[in-house]
Amino acid sequence: MFNKIFLLAILIGVPLSVAGNMLHWPEAIMFIVYCLTIVALAAYMGRATESLAIHSGPRIGGLLNATFGNAVELIISIFALKAGYISIVLASLTGSVLGNLLLVGGLSFFVGGLRFKRQRFNVHDARHNSALLMFGVVVAFVFPEIFAMNLNEAEALTLSIWVSGILIVLYLGALFFKLVTHRGVYSTEGGDEEPHEEEAEWSGKKALIILALATAAVAYVSEALVHTFETVGEQFGWSEVFIGVIIVAIVGNAAEHASAIIMAYKDKMDIAVEIAVGSTLQIAMFVAPVLVLLSLIFPTPMALVFTIPELVSMVLAVLLTNTIANDGDTNWFEGATLLAAYFIMGVGFYLL
């Protein structure tokens, strides 16, 4: 059913996006059209990536999923950087961390917990990811913020470049650890899912064509979306931070969010947790540093320095998620706790 809805949204949304952009239709209306179109395109990008991953085998497949997992978010952020919306880019990174850990993690635990009284997932993966979350968010994001207080802009940017390089190297190391040196070593600890052969939805050639077309369409619509931010913010009374933390983050990750919740409903908690936490790690350790490095080619480079509310909210989200997930066991009430934290933070960012 969802596939048909997404297909219809693409068939209607893409032509409307092109027409609206060229004919300068009202930006508030086009903002909604662009957002819905990007969500539908992201779903197709996800399906194409999954098919390619199955055809390529587990190691290359894992790398493909890691590379394209947050492609939509990356594309939107690149165009926002180009337009000079540094605060929106940083806020969208914050929103992705909060959305993945609290909103997606919370909904997955809550929805799955309503159907199953107790759900388990791989405790080793949970603890391994919790350490990476502490490094990727708490160490790598807090450190530049504290030091930037005593540095000028050029020095803060230099520090951000070094931190970004280290984050990317460690992230690649984490992929090598999971996909090569320790692949399958801890698969029997926790998690109750049986390994099985997956069948690809599409052929490799078809998946590659769909991925290329969807990525090109997302790039076009994303550039148009970015140009509506200022008008939409004024009309709806939204700050740039709120647009980044809530709107852009949800739009960029909506299809992935839905997948995690569906997996949790089917009691495939290892997959649901990997989507929520793995996507967060990718944002913090790959997407954010890549954006810092890419920003160097634009007129206004971006230092990896968040506002205090953004930083505090991300640190609290990591600490709460690690506390709840470290035992490899969850239920609906733990999901409700994560959701409550997300809504508290959402209200706070709306009022900023």
Protein backbone atom coordinates (compact mmCIF):
# COMPACT_ATOMS: atom_id res chain seq x y z
CA MET A 1 0.00 0.00 0.00
CA PHE A 2 2.76 2.44 1.01
CA ASN A 3 4.65 1.70 -2.20
CA LYS A 4 1.61 2.70 -4.30
CA ILE A 5 1.16 5.89 -2.25
CA PHE A 6 4.83 6.82 -2.69
CA LEU A 7 4.67 6.11 -6.43
CA LEU A 8 1.58 8.32 -6.77
CA ALA A 9 3.29 11.05 -4.74
CA ILE A 10 6.28 10.95 -7.10
CA LEU A 11 4.17 10.95 -10.28
CA ILE A 12 2.23 13.97 -9.03
CA GLY A 13 4.86 15.67 -6.89
CA VAL A 14 7.81 15.81 -9.30
CA PRO A 15 5.90 17.53 -12.17
CA LEU A 16 4.25 19.90 -9.66
CA SER A 17 7.65 20.69 -8.14
CA VAL A 18 9.12 21.53 -11.55
CA ALA A 19 6.09 23.59 -12.59
CA GLY A 20 5.86 25.40 -9.25
CA ASN A 21 9.55 26.22 -9.25
CA MET A 22 9.52 27.56 -12.81
CA LEU A 23 6.22 29.46 -12.51
CA HIS A 24 6.95 30.81 -9.00
CA TRP A 25 3.82 29.46 -7.30
CA PRO A 26 3.20 30.46 -3.63
CA GLU A 27 6.19 29.28 -1.62
CA ALA A 28 4.19 28.11 1.41
CA ILE A 29 2.19 25.70 -0.78
CA MET A 30 5.27 24.58 -2.70
CA PHE A 31 7.10 23.94 0.59
CA ILE A 32 4.52 21.25 1.41
CA VAL A 33 4.70 19.80 -2.13
CA TYR A 34 8.50 19.69 -2.01
CA CYS A 35 8.53 17.99 1.40
CA LEU A 36 6.04 15.26 0.41
CA THR A 37 7.85 14.67 -2.89
CA ILE A 38 11.22 14.28 -1.14
CA VAL A 39 9.75 11.78 1.33
CA ALA A 40 8.38 9.65 -1.53
CA LEU A 41 11.65 9.85 -3.49
CA ALA A 42 13.61 8.91 -0.37
CA ALA A 43 11.49 5.76 -0.03
CA TYR A 44 12.43 4.73 -3.58
CA MET A 45 16.09 5.51 -2.94
CA GLY A 46 15.93 3.25 0.10
CA ARG A 47 14.33 0.39 -1.83
CA ALA A 48 16.86 0.71 -4.66
CA THR A 49 19.75 0.73 -2.19
CA GLU A 50 18.38 -2.39 -0.46
CA SER A 51 18.14 -4.23 -3.78
CA LEU A 52 21.68 -3.23 -4.75
CA ALA A 53 22.91 -4.28 -1.30
CA ILE A 54 21.42 -7.77 -1.70
CA HIS A 55 22.94 -8.17 -5.18
CA SER A 56 26.34 -6.95 -3.98
CA GLY A 57 26.68 -9.24 -0.98
CA PRO A 58 26.79 -8.39 2.75
CA ARG A 59 30.05 -6.42 2.83
CA ILE A 60 29.48 -4.16 -0.18
CA GLY A 61 25.79 -4.09 0.73
CA GLY A 62 26.57 -2.83 4.20
CA LEU A 63 28.77 -0.14 2.70
CA LEU A 64 26.01 0.88 0.25
CA ASN A 65 23.46 1.14 3.04
CA ALA A 66 25.90 3.19 5.09
CA THR A 67 26.67 5.48 2.14
CA PHE A 68 23.12 6.12 0.93
CA GLY A 69 21.36 5.85 4.29
CA ASN A 70 21.29 9.61 4.79
CA ALA A 71 21.76 10.73 1.17
CA VAL A 72 18.60 12.88 1.20
CA GLU A 73 19.67 14.70 4.36
CA LEU A 74 23.11 15.28 2.85
CA ILE A 75 21.69 16.64 -0.42
CA ILE A 76 19.31 19.06 1.33
CA SER A 77 22.12 20.25 3.62
CA ILE A 78 24.52 20.86 0.71
CA PHE A 79 22.02 23.18 -0.98
CA ALA A 80 21.32 24.89 2.36
CA LEU A 81 25.08 25.42 2.80
CA LYS A 82 25.29 26.85 -0.71
CA ALA A 83 22.49 29.30 0.16
CA GLY A 84 24.28 30.32 3.37
CA TYR A 85 21.83 28.74 5.84
CA ILE A 86 24.52 27.53 8.25
CA SER A 87 22.21 27.60 11.28
CA ILE A 88 19.61 25.48 9.47
CA VAL A 89 22.24 22.89 8.50
CA LEU A 90 23.55 22.60 12.06
CA ALA A 91 19.97 22.47 13.36
CA SER A 92 19.04 19.74 10.87
CA LEU A 93 22.01 17.66 12.06
CA THR A 94 20.76 18.16 15.61
CA GLY A 95 17.25 17.22 14.51
CA SER A 96 18.49 14.04 12.84
CA VAL A 97 20.23 12.92 16.02
CA LEU A 98 17.16 13.70 18.15
CA GLY A 99 14.75 12.28 15.55
CA ASN A 100 16.60 9.01 15.12
CA LEU A 101 17.30 8.34 18.79
CA LEU A 102 14.17 9.71 20.46
CA LEU A 103 11.41 9.83 17.83
CA VAL A 104 12.27 6.75 15.74
CA GLY A 105 13.73 4.78 18.63
CA GLY A 106 10.80 5.77 20.83
CA LEU A 107 8.13 4.92 18.24
CA SER A 108 9.86 1.61 17.44
CA PHE A 109 9.99 0.56 21.10
CA PHE A 110 6.45 1.84 21.72
CA VAL A 111 4.75 0.27 18.67
CA GLY A 112 6.62 -3.00 19.05
CA GLY A 113 5.98 -3.02 22.78
CA LEU A 114 2.22 -2.71 22.31
CA ARG A 115 2.27 -5.99 20.38
CA PHE A 116 4.96 -7.83 22.36
CA LYS A 117 5.39 -7.41 26.12
CA ARG A 118 9.15 -7.77 25.87
CA GLN A 119 11.46 -7.33 22.89
CA ARG A 120 15.16 -8.12 22.72
CA PHE A 121 18.00 -7.10 20.45
CA ASN A 122 21.75 -7.76 20.20
CA VAL A 123 23.22 -6.47 23.47
CA HIS A 124 26.79 -6.40 22.09
CA ASP A 125 25.73 -4.16 19.19
CA ALA A 126 23.87 -1.92 21.65
CA ARG A 127 26.95 -1.48 23.84
CA HIS A 128 29.29 -1.06 20.86
CA ASN A 129 26.99 1.62 19.41
CA SER A 130 26.60 3.36 22.78
CA ALA A 131 30.37 3.89 22.96
CA LEU A 132 30.40 5.29 19.41
CA LEU A 133 27.47 7.58 20.26
CA MET A 134 29.35 8.91 23.27
CA PHE A 135 32.35 9.62 21.06
CA GLY A 136 30.55 10.83 17.92
CA VAL A 137 28.15 13.19 19.70
CA VAL A 138 29.43 13.94 23.20
CA VAL A 139 33.21 14.04 22.61
CA ALA A 140 33.40 15.25 19.00
CA PHE A 141 30.61 17.85 19.28
CA VAL A 142 31.15 19.16 22.83
CA PHE A 143 34.91 19.55 22.45
CA PRO A 144 34.81 22.08 19.53
CA GLU A 145 32.03 24.01 21.29
CA ILE A 146 34.00 24.45 24.52
CA PHE A 147 37.27 25.31 22.78
CA ALA A 148 35.58 27.65 20.29
CA MET A 149 34.76 29.95 23.20
CA ASN A 150 38.46 30.88 23.35
CA LEU A 151 39.21 30.73 19.61
CA ASN A 152 38.58 33.10 16.73
CA GLU A 153 36.52 32.00 13.71
CA ALA A 154 39.50 30.83 11.67
CA GLU A 155 40.88 28.76 14.56
CA ALA A 156 37.45 27.26 15.28
CA LEU A 157 37.16 26.25 11.63
CA THR A 158 40.64 24.69 11.70
CA LEU A 159 39.69 22.68 14.80
CA SER A 160 36.43 21.60 13.10
CA ILE A 161 38.34 20.39 10.03
CA TRP A 162 40.66 18.26 12.17
CA VAL A 163 37.75 16.85 14.20
CA SER A 164 35.84 16.10 10.98
CA GLY A 165 38.79 14.21 9.49
CA ILE A 166 39.18 12.10 12.64
CA LEU A 167 35.44 11.36 12.75
CA ILE A 168 35.41 10.14 9.14
CA VAL A 169 38.46 7.91 9.73
CA LEU A 170 36.90 6.36 12.86
CA TYR A 171 33.56 5.89 11.08
CA LEU A 172 35.30 4.03 8.23
CA GLY A 173 37.08 1.99 10.90
CA ALA A 174 33.74 1.15 12.51
CA LEU A 175 32.40 -0.06 9.15
CA PHE A 176 35.53 -2.18 8.62
CA PHE A 177 35.08 -3.63 12.11
CA LYS A 178 31.43 -4.53 11.52
CA LEU A 179 31.61 -5.68 7.91
CA VAL A 180 35.05 -7.33 7.75
CA THR A 181 37.07 -8.17 10.86
CA HIS A 182 34.17 -8.90 13.26
CA ARG A 183 31.31 -9.63 10.90
CA GLY A 184 29.06 -12.27 12.51
CA VAL A 185 31.32 -12.72 15.56
CA TYR A 186 28.67 -11.53 18.02
CA SER A 187 25.56 -12.46 16.02
CA THR A 188 24.42 -15.10 18.52
CA GLU A 189 24.41 -12.73 21.50
CA GLY A 190 21.00 -11.17 22.01
CA GLY A 191 18.70 -10.65 19.02
CA ASP A 192 16.23 -13.39 18.16
CA GLU A 193 16.17 -13.09 14.41
CA GLU A 194 17.09 -16.10 12.29
CA PRO A 195 19.45 -15.50 9.37
CA HIS A 196 17.78 -16.01 6.02
CA GLU A 197 18.45 -15.44 2.36
CA GLU A 198 16.91 -12.23 1.11
CA GLU A 199 15.50 -11.75 -2.37
CA ALA A 200 16.10 -8.45 -4.10
CA GLU A 201 12.98 -6.51 -5.08
CA TRP A 202 14.59 -5.25 -8.31
CA SER A 203 17.40 -6.39 -10.60
CA GLY A 204 20.77 -4.69 -10.13
CA LYS A 205 20.42 -2.66 -13.33
CA LYS A 206 16.88 -1.51 -12.52
CA ALA A 207 17.83 -0.60 -8.95
CA LEU A 208 20.83 1.41 -10.19
CA ILE A 209 18.68 3.35 -12.71
CA ILE A 210 15.98 4.07 -10.09
CA LEU A 211 18.61 5.17 -7.55
CA ALA A 212 20.24 7.53 -10.07
CA LEU A 213 16.91 9.06 -11.20
CA ALA A 214 15.60 9.42 -7.62
CA THR A 215 18.86 11.03 -6.47
CA ALA A 216 18.75 13.53 -9.36
CA ALA A 217 15.11 14.34 -8.58
CA VAL A 218 15.88 14.78 -4.87
CA ALA A 219 18.72 17.16 -5.74
CA TYR A 220 16.41 19.30 -7.91
CA VAL A 221 13.54 19.38 -5.40
CA SER A 222 15.91 19.97 -2.46
CA GLU A 223 17.38 23.06 -4.10
CA ALA A 224 13.85 24.41 -4.65
CA LEU A 225 12.91 23.52 -1.04
CA VAL A 226 15.83 25.47 0.41
CA HIS A 227 14.70 28.66 -1.35
CA THR A 228 11.33 28.48 0.48
CA PHE A 229 12.81 28.44 4.01
CA GLU A 230 12.85 32.20 4.55
CA THR A 231 9.27 32.78 3.33
CA VAL A 232 7.87 29.77 5.20
CA GLY A 233 9.64 30.81 8.40
CA GLU A 234 8.08 34.27 8.20
CA GLN A 235 4.57 33.01 7.35
CA PHE A 236 4.41 30.26 9.99
CA GLY A 237 6.48 32.01 12.64
CA TRP A 238 9.16 29.31 12.58
CA SER A 239 12.76 30.10 13.45
CA GLU A 240 15.61 28.74 11.32
CA VAL A 241 16.52 26.44 14.21
CA PHE A 242 13.00 24.96 14.37
CA ILE A 243 12.92 24.45 10.58
CA GLY A 244 16.23 22.60 10.80
CA VAL A 245 15.65 20.59 13.98
CA ILE A 246 12.10 19.44 13.24
CA ILE A 247 11.04 19.97 9.61
CA VAL A 248 14.19 19.28 7.57
CA ALA A 249 15.27 16.43 9.84
CA ILE A 250 11.91 14.63 9.60
CA VAL A 251 11.59 15.17 5.84
CA GLY A 252 15.11 13.92 5.21
CA ASN A 253 14.64 10.75 7.24
CA ALA A 254 10.89 10.01 7.01
CA ALA A 255 11.14 6.89 4.81
CA GLU A 256 13.87 5.42 6.99
CA HIS A 257 11.81 6.22 10.10
CA ALA A 258 8.84 4.28 8.75
CA SER A 259 11.03 1.25 8.01
CA ALA A 260 12.30 1.10 11.60
CA ILE A 261 8.78 1.23 13.06
CA ILE A 262 7.54 -1.51 10.69
CA MET A 263 10.50 -3.72 11.65
CA ALA A 264 9.73 -3.22 15.35
CA TYR A 265 6.07 -4.15 14.77
CA LYS A 266 7.30 -7.39 13.18
CA ASP A 267 9.54 -8.01 16.23
CA LYS A 268 12.72 -7.54 14.16
CA MET A 269 14.29 -5.34 16.80
CA ASP A 270 17.90 -5.79 15.69
CA ILE A 271 17.01 -4.13 12.37
CA ALA A 272 14.88 -1.41 14.00
CA VAL A 273 17.62 -0.48 16.47
CA GLU A 274 20.30 -0.58 13.76
CA ILE A 275 18.25 1.85 11.63
CA ALA A 276 17.70 4.28 14.53
CA VAL A 277 21.16 4.15 16.11
CA GLY A 278 23.16 3.35 12.96
CA SER A 279 21.61 6.32 11.16
CA THR A 280 22.49 8.57 14.11
CA LEU A 281 26.11 7.42 14.02
CA GLN A 282 26.23 8.06 10.29
CA ILE A 283 24.91 11.60 10.77
CA ALA A 284 27.35 12.40 13.58
CA MET A 285 30.47 10.66 12.27
CA PHE A 286 30.07 10.95 8.49
CA VAL A 287 27.43 13.40 7.26
CA ALA A 288 28.32 16.24 9.68
CA PRO A 289 32.10 16.10 9.03
CA VAL A 290 31.57 15.74 5.26
CA LEU A 291 29.41 18.87 5.32
CA VAL A 292 32.13 20.74 7.23
CA LEU A 293 34.68 19.80 4.55
CA LEU A 294 32.29 20.54 1.66
CA SER A 295 31.44 23.94 3.13
CA LEU A 296 35.02 25.03 2.43
CA ILE A 297 34.14 25.42 -1.25
CA PHE A 298 31.25 27.79 -0.47
CA PRO A 299 31.49 31.50 0.47
CA THR A 300 30.56 30.79 4.11
CA PRO A 301 32.36 27.76 5.59
CA MET A 302 30.70 25.89 8.47
CA ALA A 303 32.49 25.16 11.73
CA LEU A 304 31.33 22.17 13.77
CA VAL A 305 30.08 24.46 16.52
CA PHE A 306 26.47 24.02 17.66
CA THR A 307 24.40 26.31 19.89
CA ILE A 308 24.17 25.40 23.57
CA PRO A 309 20.48 24.23 23.30
CA GLU A 310 21.36 22.00 20.32
CA LEU A 311 24.37 20.55 22.09
CA VAL A 312 22.60 19.91 25.40
CA SER A 313 19.64 18.25 23.67
CA MET A 314 21.89 15.90 21.67
CA VAL A 315 23.95 14.93 24.74
CA LEU A 316 20.80 14.24 26.78
CA ALA A 317 19.33 12.18 23.91
CA VAL A 318 22.48 10.03 23.75
CA LEU A 319 22.60 9.52 27.52
CA LEU A 320 18.90 8.59 27.73
CA THR A 321 19.10 6.22 24.75
CA ASN A 322 22.23 4.52 26.07
CA THR A 323 20.64 4.06 29.49
CA ILE A 324 17.52 2.47 27.99
CA ALA A 325 19.16 0.36 25.25
CA ASN A 326 22.27 -0.95 27.02
CA ASP A 327 20.50 -4.04 28.41
CA GLY A 328 19.38 -5.29 24.97
CA ASP A 329 15.77 -5.41 26.19
CA THR A 330 12.88 -3.01 25.73
CA ASN A 331 9.11 -2.47 26.15
CA TRP A 332 6.44 0.07 25.29
CA PHE A 333 7.03 2.22 28.39
CA GLU A 334 10.69 2.77 27.51
CA GLY A 335 9.50 3.86 24.06
CA ALA A 336 7.07 6.30 25.65
CA THR A 337 9.93 7.73 27.72
CA LEU A 338 12.01 8.45 24.61
CA LEU A 339 8.99 10.02 22.85
CA ALA A 340 8.27 12.23 25.88
CA ALA A 341 11.85 13.52 25.75
CA TYR A 342 11.51 14.28 22.02
CA PHE A 343 8.29 16.26 22.49
CA ILE A 344 9.75 18.25 25.40
CA MET A 345 12.73 19.21 23.23
CA GLY A 346 10.47 19.91 20.24
CA VAL A 347 8.41 22.42 22.25
CA GLY A 348 11.61 24.04 23.49
CA PHE A 349 13.00 24.51 19.97
CA TYR A 350 9.64 25.85 18.74
CA LEU A 351 9.71 28.54 21.42
CA LEU A 352 13.33 29.57 20.73
